[in-house]
């Protein structure tokens, strides 16, 4: 058994800036599975530190996932196993209705030639410009919803999980 008085005052150190991540605080992990193994165990104190890691490891598609550090140094495993109880309550994300995409003036946000190519290859159909415009409106609507979900979660980074219903 280890002496609890010898335990550090922080949980872990950020893998980018080496700043201490305290117990019971927010930290970020990389969504790429190889960055989450016990061998690597990358943790980051901020999204900007995670972003520096992404540039170094050259991930194709990755995002930072928000986590919370444990309340204190985990006690040794006891013989009797109990069902783990989450220390952090589940968050209910409430967001206000986004501004209508019709009210947002934008240029075409999708690559028209690629959309038309996809439709033609999959169905043999042609695509009108109003289809591309409608698709752009959908992109704007989902982007606005994602922004509101990120705000509700207290983040300044819109992530892939903000698009999920």
Protein backbone atom coordinates (compact mmCIF):
# COMPACT_ATOMS: atom_id res chain seq x y z
CA UNK A 1 0.00 0.00 0.00
CA UNK A 2 1.34 3.42 -0.88
CA UNK A 3 1.46 6.30 1.54
CA UNK A 4 -1.26 8.85 0.58
CA UNK A 5 0.87 11.71 1.94
CA UNK A 6 3.38 11.02 -0.86
CA UNK A 7 0.74 11.54 -3.56
CA UNK A 8 1.15 14.64 -5.73
CA UNK A 9 -1.21 17.62 -5.37
CA UNK A 10 -2.31 17.25 -8.98
CA UNK A 11 -3.73 14.45 -11.10
CA UNK A 12 -1.46 14.50 -14.19
CA UNK A 13 0.55 16.92 -16.31
CA UNK A 14 -0.51 18.19 -19.73
CA UNK A 15 1.39 16.37 -22.47
CA UNK A 16 1.92 19.61 -24.43
CA UNK A 17 2.69 22.43 -22.00
CA UNK A 18 3.43 20.30 -18.89
CA UNK A 19 0.98 22.36 -16.83
CA UNK A 20 -0.46 20.48 -13.85
CA UNK A 21 -4.03 19.20 -14.25
CA UNK A 22 -5.65 19.26 -10.79
CA UNK A 23 -8.02 16.66 -9.40
CA UNK A 24 -11.72 17.11 -10.19
CA UNK A 25 -11.11 19.43 -13.14
CA UNK A 26 -11.74 19.53 -16.88
CA UNK A 27 -9.14 18.14 -19.28
CA UNK A 28 -9.13 16.95 -22.90
CA UNK A 29 -8.17 13.74 -24.65
CA UNK A 30 -7.62 13.03 -28.33
CA UNK A 31 -10.36 11.14 -30.17
CA UNK A 32 -7.79 9.01 -32.03
CA UNK A 33 -7.63 5.55 -30.45
CA UNK A 34 -3.83 5.27 -30.52
CA UNK A 35 -3.57 8.43 -28.41
CA UNK A 36 -5.83 6.93 -25.74
CA UNK A 37 -3.95 3.73 -24.94
CA UNK A 38 -2.39 3.14 -21.53
CA UNK A 39 1.00 3.32 -23.20
CA UNK A 40 0.51 6.86 -24.51
CA UNK A 41 -2.26 8.18 -22.23
CA UNK A 42 -2.19 11.68 -23.69
CA UNK A 43 -4.07 14.30 -21.65
CA UNK A 44 -4.26 18.03 -22.35
CA UNK A 45 -5.16 20.99 -20.15
CA UNK A 46 -6.79 22.96 -22.99
CA UNK A 47 -8.03 22.62 -26.55
CA UNK A 48 -5.07 24.68 -27.75
CA UNK A 49 -2.64 22.16 -26.19
CA UNK A 50 -4.58 19.35 -27.87
CA UNK A 51 -4.42 21.29 -31.15
CA UNK A 52 -0.62 21.51 -30.88
CA UNK A 53 -0.55 17.72 -30.45
CA UNK A 54 -2.70 17.22 -33.57
CA UNK A 55 -0.27 19.24 -35.66
CA UNK A 56 2.66 17.17 -34.43
CA UNK A 57 1.01 13.76 -34.89
CA UNK A 58 -0.67 14.79 -38.17
CA UNK A 59 -4.06 13.16 -37.52
CA UNK A 60 -6.39 13.09 -40.52
CA UNK A 61 -9.62 13.41 -38.59
CA UNK A 62 -9.58 14.10 -34.87
CA UNK A 63 -11.32 16.12 -32.20
CA UNK A 64 -10.75 16.91 -28.53
CA UNK A 65 -13.03 15.14 -26.09
CA UNK A 66 -13.79 16.82 -22.78
CA UNK A 67 -13.26 14.70 -19.65
CA UNK A 68 -13.05 15.29 -15.89
CA UNK A 69 -10.15 14.14 -13.74
CA UNK A 70 -10.90 11.96 -10.70
CA UNK A 71 -11.80 13.52 -7.37
CA UNK A 72 -8.61 12.26 -5.70
CA UNK A 73 -5.94 9.58 -6.11
CA UNK A 74 -7.72 6.28 -6.65
CA UNK A 75 -7.63 3.91 -3.68
CA UNK A 76 -6.22 0.38 -4.16
CA UNK A 77 -8.70 -2.13 -5.59
CA UNK A 78 -10.63 -3.95 -2.86
CA UNK A 79 -11.75 -7.56 -3.04
CA UNK A 80 -15.45 -6.66 -3.08
CA UNK A 81 -16.33 -5.03 -6.38
CA UNK A 82 -19.13 -2.52 -6.41
CA UNK A 83 -20.90 -0.85 -9.28
CA UNK A 84 -18.99 2.35 -10.05
CA UNK A 85 -20.91 5.53 -9.42
CA UNK A 86 -20.17 8.54 -11.56
CA UNK A 87 -18.84 11.43 -9.47
CA UNK A 88 -19.86 14.02 -12.08
CA UNK A 89 -23.58 14.38 -12.69
CA UNK A 90 -24.78 13.90 -16.24
CA UNK A 91 -25.08 17.20 -18.04
CA UNK A 92 -28.29 18.08 -19.76
CA UNK A 93 -27.46 20.31 -22.66
CA UNK A 94 -30.14 22.91 -23.23
CA UNK A 95 -29.77 25.28 -26.13
CA UNK A 96 -31.95 27.98 -27.55
CA UNK A 97 -33.37 27.70 -31.03
CA UNK A 98 -30.77 28.86 -33.54
CA UNK A 99 -31.31 31.71 -35.92
CA UNK A 100 -33.10 30.51 -39.03
CA UNK A 101 -30.72 29.64 -41.85
CA UNK A 102 -32.94 31.67 -44.18
CA UNK A 103 -32.00 34.81 -42.24
CA UNK A 104 -28.25 34.18 -42.61
CA UNK A 105 -26.83 35.41 -45.89
CA UNK A 106 -24.12 33.04 -47.09
CA UNK A 107 -22.44 32.02 -50.26
CA UNK A 108 -22.57 28.39 -51.35
CA UNK A 109 -20.85 26.36 -48.59
CA UNK A 110 -20.62 23.06 -50.47
CA UNK A 111 -18.53 22.18 -53.49
CA UNK A 112 -21.19 22.22 -56.18
CA UNK A 113 -19.29 20.06 -58.66
CA UNK A 114 -18.65 17.36 -56.05
CA UNK A 115 -22.29 17.32 -54.91
CA UNK A 116 -23.49 17.03 -58.51
CA UNK A 117 -20.94 14.27 -59.18
CA UNK A 118 -22.10 12.32 -56.11
CA UNK A 119 -25.76 12.55 -57.13
CA UNK A 120 -24.99 11.53 -60.72
CA UNK A 121 -22.77 8.58 -59.70
CA UNK A 122 -25.26 7.24 -57.14
CA UNK A 123 -28.47 7.76 -59.07
CA UNK A 124 -27.84 8.99 -62.60
CA UNK A 125 -29.92 12.09 -61.77
CA UNK A 126 -29.10 15.72 -62.48
CA UNK A 127 -28.90 18.31 -59.68
CA UNK A 128 -30.39 21.79 -59.87
CA UNK A 129 -28.91 24.89 -58.27
CA UNK A 130 -31.86 25.07 -55.88
CA UNK A 131 -30.79 21.63 -54.54
CA UNK A 132 -27.31 23.01 -53.81
CA UNK A 133 -28.86 26.10 -52.19
CA UNK A 134 -31.10 23.92 -50.00
CA UNK A 135 -28.07 21.84 -49.01
CA UNK A 136 -26.20 25.02 -48.06
CA UNK A 137 -29.16 26.07 -45.87
CA UNK A 138 -28.97 22.68 -44.10
CA UNK A 139 -25.22 23.16 -43.50
CA UNK A 140 -25.90 26.61 -42.03
CA UNK A 141 -28.74 25.30 -39.80
CA UNK A 142 -26.63 22.44 -38.43
CA UNK A 143 -23.66 24.76 -37.92
CA UNK A 144 -25.80 27.19 -35.92
CA UNK A 145 -27.15 24.32 -33.79
CA UNK A 146 -23.59 23.12 -33.19
CA UNK A 147 -22.52 26.59 -32.11
CA UNK A 148 -25.36 26.75 -29.58
CA UNK A 149 -24.54 23.29 -28.20
CA UNK A 150 -20.87 24.26 -27.78
CA UNK A 151 -21.94 27.47 -25.97
CA UNK A 152 -24.25 25.46 -23.69
CA UNK A 153 -21.37 23.13 -22.86
CA UNK A 154 -19.14 26.09 -21.99
CA UNK A 155 -16.72 25.52 -24.89
CA UNK A 156 -15.41 27.86 -27.55
CA UNK A 157 -14.75 25.00 -29.98
CA UNK A 158 -17.52 23.44 -32.05
CA UNK A 159 -16.94 19.69 -32.24
CA UNK A 160 -18.40 16.79 -34.17
CA UNK A 161 -20.47 15.71 -31.19
CA UNK A 162 -22.26 19.08 -31.35
CA UNK A 163 -23.96 17.92 -34.56
CA UNK A 164 -25.55 14.88 -32.90
CA UNK A 165 -29.17 15.19 -31.85
